[in-house]
């Protein structure tokens, strides 16, 4: 047998050192950027001590949704009456999806600003910190998730906007949790009008039949637990329509995770 010769220690050391070296280079790069462009608040853009964070004032204004809340809809309760409690709305008009979770209330303030800047102002870098909050808020439904499916845009809407905020958030949540993001399991086949300004009944009619899981997607959906990811939950009409299409496509269960949700009563 031919002697392989002496082993160079560098052959062993360098592969192990590369990850650490990459982290050091990244940290130096961030420090250099912070020196040139000081970190600012994600919402109001005042100077902050940390990149990707809210200033103290915006943090106080964020109306985070924490327990106790309805186990089905994720809407907050004023009093803690025990685990697993359902709201009157969830009992009277149960949603198609199993459970919904949200980071904060969607109203005037930082939550609304973050959603609008991600959606309309080409602030794609907001998806990462928003996704981290979503991963925390939806920890219980994400624990058993087989796949994350972002709420899709119709091809015409995607072409004009060039950006699907739900897909960006789903990728960020996937990065935080390891749950695979599969954006092609659901498609939007109906070009609906904007839901803004519509009544609850009009919203439901507007998105009826808007979503579909293709035959190829149904093969991958069968028996899997899906978390549908979107930016905002309002009446639940879009989430219900999308969840219905996923369930018809073979999904075993569909939960919903959003950054913010409208809360009509607490």
Protein backbone atom coordinates (compact mmCIF):
# COMPACT_ATOMS: atom_id res chain seq x y z
CA UNK A 1 0.00 0.00 0.00
CA UNK A 2 1.39 3.39 -0.98
CA UNK A 3 2.15 5.74 1.85
CA UNK A 4 -0.22 8.71 1.70
CA UNK A 5 2.43 10.88 3.30
CA UNK A 6 2.11 13.21 6.27
CA UNK A 7 -1.23 14.87 6.95
CA UNK A 8 -1.16 18.64 6.80
CA UNK A 9 -2.93 20.03 9.86
CA UNK A 10 -4.33 22.81 7.69
CA UNK A 11 -6.29 20.22 5.72
CA UNK A 12 -8.20 19.42 8.89
CA UNK A 13 -8.35 22.82 10.54
CA UNK A 14 -9.56 25.06 7.71
CA UNK A 15 -12.91 23.34 6.97
CA UNK A 16 -13.79 23.57 10.65
CA UNK A 17 -12.74 27.23 10.82
CA UNK A 18 -14.71 28.39 7.79
CA UNK A 19 -18.09 28.80 9.59
CA UNK A 20 -16.46 30.79 12.37
CA UNK A 21 -14.54 32.91 9.87
CA UNK A 22 -17.76 33.58 7.94
CA UNK A 23 -19.51 34.73 11.13
CA UNK A 24 -16.61 37.05 11.95
CA UNK A 25 -16.64 38.55 8.45
CA UNK A 26 -20.43 39.02 8.63
CA UNK A 27 -20.15 40.71 12.05
CA UNK A 28 -17.44 43.05 10.79
CA UNK A 29 -19.56 43.85 7.75
CA UNK A 30 -22.58 44.66 9.91
CA UNK A 31 -20.46 46.87 12.17
CA UNK A 32 -19.12 48.75 9.13
CA UNK A 33 -22.63 49.27 7.76
CA UNK A 34 -23.87 50.44 11.16
CA UNK A 35 -21.04 52.98 11.26
CA UNK A 36 -22.05 54.34 7.85
CA UNK A 37 -25.81 53.83 8.20
CA UNK A 38 -26.74 53.82 11.91
CA UNK A 39 -29.57 51.38 12.75
CA UNK A 40 -33.06 52.84 12.82
CA UNK A 41 -36.43 51.76 14.17
CA UNK A 42 -38.25 49.39 11.84
CA UNK A 43 -41.44 51.43 12.13
CA UNK A 44 -40.66 55.13 12.68
CA UNK A 45 -37.01 55.14 11.53
CA UNK A 46 -35.59 57.03 14.51
CA UNK A 47 -32.11 55.99 15.60
CA UNK A 48 -31.90 52.79 17.65
CA UNK A 49 -29.14 50.90 19.39
CA UNK A 50 -29.82 47.67 17.52
CA UNK A 51 -30.40 46.71 13.90
CA UNK A 52 -33.77 45.13 13.07
CA UNK A 53 -35.58 46.37 16.18
CA UNK A 54 -38.22 48.83 17.30
CA UNK A 55 -37.46 51.96 19.27
CA UNK A 56 -38.78 52.02 22.87
CA UNK A 57 -41.75 54.20 21.94
CA UNK A 58 -42.89 51.99 19.06
CA UNK A 59 -42.37 48.89 21.20
CA UNK A 60 -44.75 50.33 23.80
CA UNK A 61 -47.29 51.13 21.07
CA UNK A 62 -47.26 47.62 19.59
CA UNK A 63 -50.35 45.81 20.83
CA UNK A 64 -48.95 42.29 20.94
CA UNK A 65 -51.44 39.44 21.16
CA UNK A 66 -50.55 37.15 24.03
CA UNK A 67 -52.43 34.60 26.08
CA UNK A 68 -55.20 34.43 27.09
CA UNK A 69 -56.78 34.24 23.64
CA UNK A 70 -59.34 32.16 21.74
CA UNK A 71 -57.68 28.87 20.87
CA UNK A 72 -59.43 28.82 17.47
CA UNK A 73 -59.33 32.42 16.23
CA UNK A 74 -56.42 33.74 18.26
CA UNK A 75 -58.40 36.81 19.38
CA UNK A 76 -57.41 38.05 22.85
CA UNK A 77 -59.53 37.73 25.99
CA UNK A 78 -59.68 40.30 28.76
CA UNK A 79 -59.55 37.58 31.43
CA UNK A 80 -57.87 34.21 31.64
CA UNK A 81 -60.62 31.61 32.05
CA UNK A 82 -58.44 28.59 31.37
CA UNK A 83 -56.77 26.89 28.39
CA UNK A 84 -58.65 25.83 25.28
CA UNK A 85 -61.41 28.41 25.66
CA UNK A 86 -63.26 29.47 22.49
CA UNK A 87 -64.71 32.90 21.78
CA UNK A 88 -68.43 33.32 21.03
CA UNK A 89 -67.54 34.11 17.40
CA UNK A 90 -65.56 30.87 17.03
CA UNK A 91 -68.50 28.90 18.40
CA UNK A 92 -71.22 30.67 16.41
CA UNK A 93 -69.31 30.88 13.13
CA UNK A 94 -66.36 28.46 13.22
CA UNK A 95 -63.70 29.07 10.56
CA UNK A 96 -62.63 26.56 7.92
CA UNK A 97 -59.08 26.60 9.29
CA UNK A 98 -58.26 24.93 12.59
CA UNK A 99 -56.38 27.70 14.43
CA UNK A 100 -55.10 31.22 13.78
CA UNK A 101 -52.19 33.01 15.43
CA UNK A 102 -50.99 36.60 15.05
CA UNK A 103 -48.20 38.75 16.45
CA UNK A 104 -50.17 41.93 17.07
CA UNK A 105 -53.39 43.81 16.52
CA UNK A 106 -53.73 45.52 13.17
CA UNK A 107 -54.62 49.11 13.91
CA UNK A 108 -53.02 52.54 13.69
CA UNK A 109 -49.47 52.28 14.95
CA UNK A 110 -46.30 50.25 14.36
CA UNK A 111 -48.01 47.00 13.30
CA UNK A 112 -49.95 48.71 10.51
CA UNK A 113 -46.85 50.68 9.46
CA UNK A 114 -44.74 47.54 9.21
CA UNK A 115 -47.35 45.70 7.15
CA UNK A 116 -47.85 48.60 4.75
CA UNK A 117 -44.13 49.22 4.31
CA UNK A 118 -43.46 45.56 3.57
CA UNK A 119 -46.41 45.36 1.19
CA UNK A 120 -46.29 48.66 -0.69
CA UNK A 121 -42.93 50.34 -0.10
CA UNK A 122 -40.41 47.75 -1.30
CA UNK A 123 -39.11 47.22 2.23
CA UNK A 124 -38.35 43.54 1.79
CA UNK A 125 -35.80 43.61 4.60
CA UNK A 126 -38.70 43.91 7.06
CA UNK A 127 -39.73 40.31 6.38
CA UNK A 128 -36.89 38.85 8.48
CA UNK A 129 -37.70 40.58 11.81
CA UNK A 130 -41.45 40.22 11.20
CA UNK A 131 -40.91 36.53 10.51
CA UNK A 132 -39.03 36.11 13.79
CA UNK A 133 -41.99 37.54 15.71
CA UNK A 134 -44.37 35.31 13.75
CA UNK A 135 -42.31 32.22 14.55
CA UNK A 136 -42.62 33.07 18.25
CA UNK A 137 -46.34 33.91 18.12
CA UNK A 138 -47.18 30.74 16.18
CA UNK A 139 -44.89 28.33 18.02
CA UNK A 140 -47.71 25.98 18.97
CA UNK A 141 -49.09 25.57 15.44
CA UNK A 142 -45.66 25.53 13.83
CA UNK A 143 -44.46 22.67 16.04
CA UNK A 144 -46.46 20.11 14.07
CA UNK A 145 -46.39 21.78 10.65
CA UNK A 146 -45.35 19.76 7.61
CA UNK A 147 -45.20 22.80 5.31
CA UNK A 148 -45.67 26.56 5.18
CA UNK A 149 -47.83 27.80 2.32
CA UNK A 150 -47.92 31.55 1.63
CA UNK A 151 -51.23 33.03 0.52
CA UNK A 152 -50.71 33.39 -3.25
CA UNK A 153 -51.36 36.42 -5.42
CA UNK A 154 -53.08 36.18 -8.78
CA UNK A 155 -50.58 36.29 -11.65
CA UNK A 156 -51.78 39.73 -12.76
CA UNK A 157 -51.48 41.16 -9.24
CA UNK A 158 -48.03 39.63 -8.82
CA UNK A 159 -46.92 41.05 -12.17
CA UNK A 160 -47.98 44.58 -11.24
CA UNK A 161 -46.75 44.47 -7.65
CA UNK A 162 -43.65 42.30 -8.38
CA UNK A 163 -43.64 41.12 -4.78
CA UNK A 164 -45.69 38.77 -2.63
CA UNK A 165 -45.34 39.83 0.98
CA UNK A 166 -46.86 36.55 2.21
CA UNK A 167 -44.15 34.56 0.43
CA UNK A 168 -41.43 36.75 1.96
CA UNK A 169 -42.87 36.23 5.44
CA UNK A 170 -43.23 32.47 4.91
CA UNK A 171 -39.58 32.23 3.86
CA UNK A 172 -38.57 34.17 6.98
CA UNK A 173 -40.62 31.89 9.25
CA UNK A 174 -39.13 28.87 7.48
CA UNK A 175 -35.64 30.21 8.17
CA UNK A 176 -36.47 30.58 11.86
CA UNK A 177 -38.20 27.22 12.36
CA UNK A 178 -36.89 24.86 9.71
CA UNK A 179 -40.42 24.11 8.46
CA UNK A 180 -40.28 23.89 4.65
CA UNK A 181 -41.85 26.72 2.66
CA UNK A 182 -43.75 25.38 -0.36
CA UNK A 183 -45.25 28.30 -2.30
CA UNK A 184 -46.59 26.23 -5.20
CA UNK A 185 -49.06 24.05 -3.30
CA UNK A 186 -51.78 26.68 -3.72
CA UNK A 187 -52.56 29.04 -6.58
CA UNK A 188 -54.92 31.97 -6.96
CA UNK A 189 -56.98 31.33 -10.07
CA UNK A 190 -59.44 34.20 -9.76
CA UNK A 191 -58.45 37.87 -10.11
CA UNK A 192 -60.52 39.32 -7.27
CA UNK A 193 -61.05 42.98 -6.46
CA UNK A 194 -59.44 44.44 -3.36
CA UNK A 195 -61.10 43.47 -0.09
CA UNK A 196 -60.68 46.98 1.31
CA UNK A 197 -64.04 48.63 1.94
CA UNK A 198 -66.09 45.45 1.49
CA UNK A 199 -68.48 44.10 4.11
CA UNK A 200 -67.89 40.72 5.71
CA UNK A 201 -70.39 39.04 3.36
CA UNK A 202 -68.95 40.83 0.32
CA UNK A 203 -65.45 39.71 1.25
CA UNK A 204 -66.56 36.08 1.40
CA UNK A 205 -68.30 36.35 -1.99
CA UNK A 206 -65.31 38.11 -3.51
CA UNK A 207 -62.85 35.29 -2.77
CA UNK A 208 -65.21 32.36 -3.31
CA UNK A 209 -63.48 29.92 -5.65
CA UNK A 210 -60.39 32.13 -5.85
CA UNK A 211 -57.91 29.42 -4.81
CA UNK A 212 -57.08 25.98 -6.14
CA UNK A 213 -54.61 23.19 -5.49
CA UNK A 214 -53.47 21.63 -8.76
CA UNK A 215 -53.38 17.90 -9.34
CA UNK A 216 -49.61 17.96 -8.83
CA UNK A 217 -50.00 19.92 -5.61
CA UNK A 218 -52.61 17.50 -4.31
CA UNK A 219 -50.05 14.70 -4.36
CA UNK A 220 -47.83 16.73 -2.03
CA UNK A 221 -50.72 17.96 0.13
CA UNK A 222 -52.22 14.60 0.97
CA UNK A 223 -52.32 14.01 4.73
CA UNK A 224 -50.04 16.93 5.57
CA UNK A 225 -50.53 19.61 8.21
CA UNK A 226 -50.28 23.01 6.55
CA UNK A 227 -49.70 26.46 8.01
CA UNK A 228 -51.08 29.15 5.71
CA UNK A 229 -48.99 32.33 6.02
CA UNK A 230 -50.21 35.86 5.28
CA UNK A 231 -49.57 39.40 6.46
CA UNK A 232 -53.00 40.36 7.85
CA UNK A 233 -56.15 38.56 8.96
CA UNK A 234 -59.27 40.73 8.83
CA UNK A 235 -62.66 39.05 8.41
CA UNK A 236 -61.05 35.67 7.72
CA UNK A 237 -62.68 35.39 4.28
CA UNK A 238 -59.40 34.98 2.39
CA UNK A 239 -58.00 32.57 4.96
CA UNK A 240 -61.18 30.49 4.86
CA UNK A 241 -61.19 30.34 1.05
CA UNK A 242 -57.53 29.36 0.91
CA UNK A 243 -57.90 26.80 3.71
CA UNK A 244 -60.91 25.27 1.98
CA UNK A 245 -58.91 24.79 -1.22
CA UNK A 246 -56.02 23.20 0.69
CA UNK A 247 -58.33 20.82 2.54
CA UNK A 248 -60.09 19.86 -0.69
CA UNK A 249 -56.64 19.23 -2.11
CA UNK A 250 -55.98 16.64 0.57
CA UNK A 251 -54.40 18.51 3.49
CA UNK A 252 -55.13 16.92 6.85
CA UNK A 253 -55.30 20.27 8.69
CA UNK A 254 -54.78 23.93 7.92
CA UNK A 255 -53.73 26.54 10.49
CA UNK A 256 -53.19 30.23 9.80
CA UNK A 257 -50.27 32.43 10.83
CA UNK A 258 -50.23 36.18 10.19
CA UNK A 259 -48.26 39.16 11.40
CA UNK A 260 -51.31 41.18 12.41
CA UNK A 261 -55.02 40.68 12.75
CA UNK A 262 -58.07 42.88 13.14
CA UNK A 263 -59.66 42.51 16.55
CA UNK A 264 -63.25 43.73 16.70
CA UNK A 265 -63.73 42.84 20.36
CA UNK A 266 -61.51 41.67 23.18
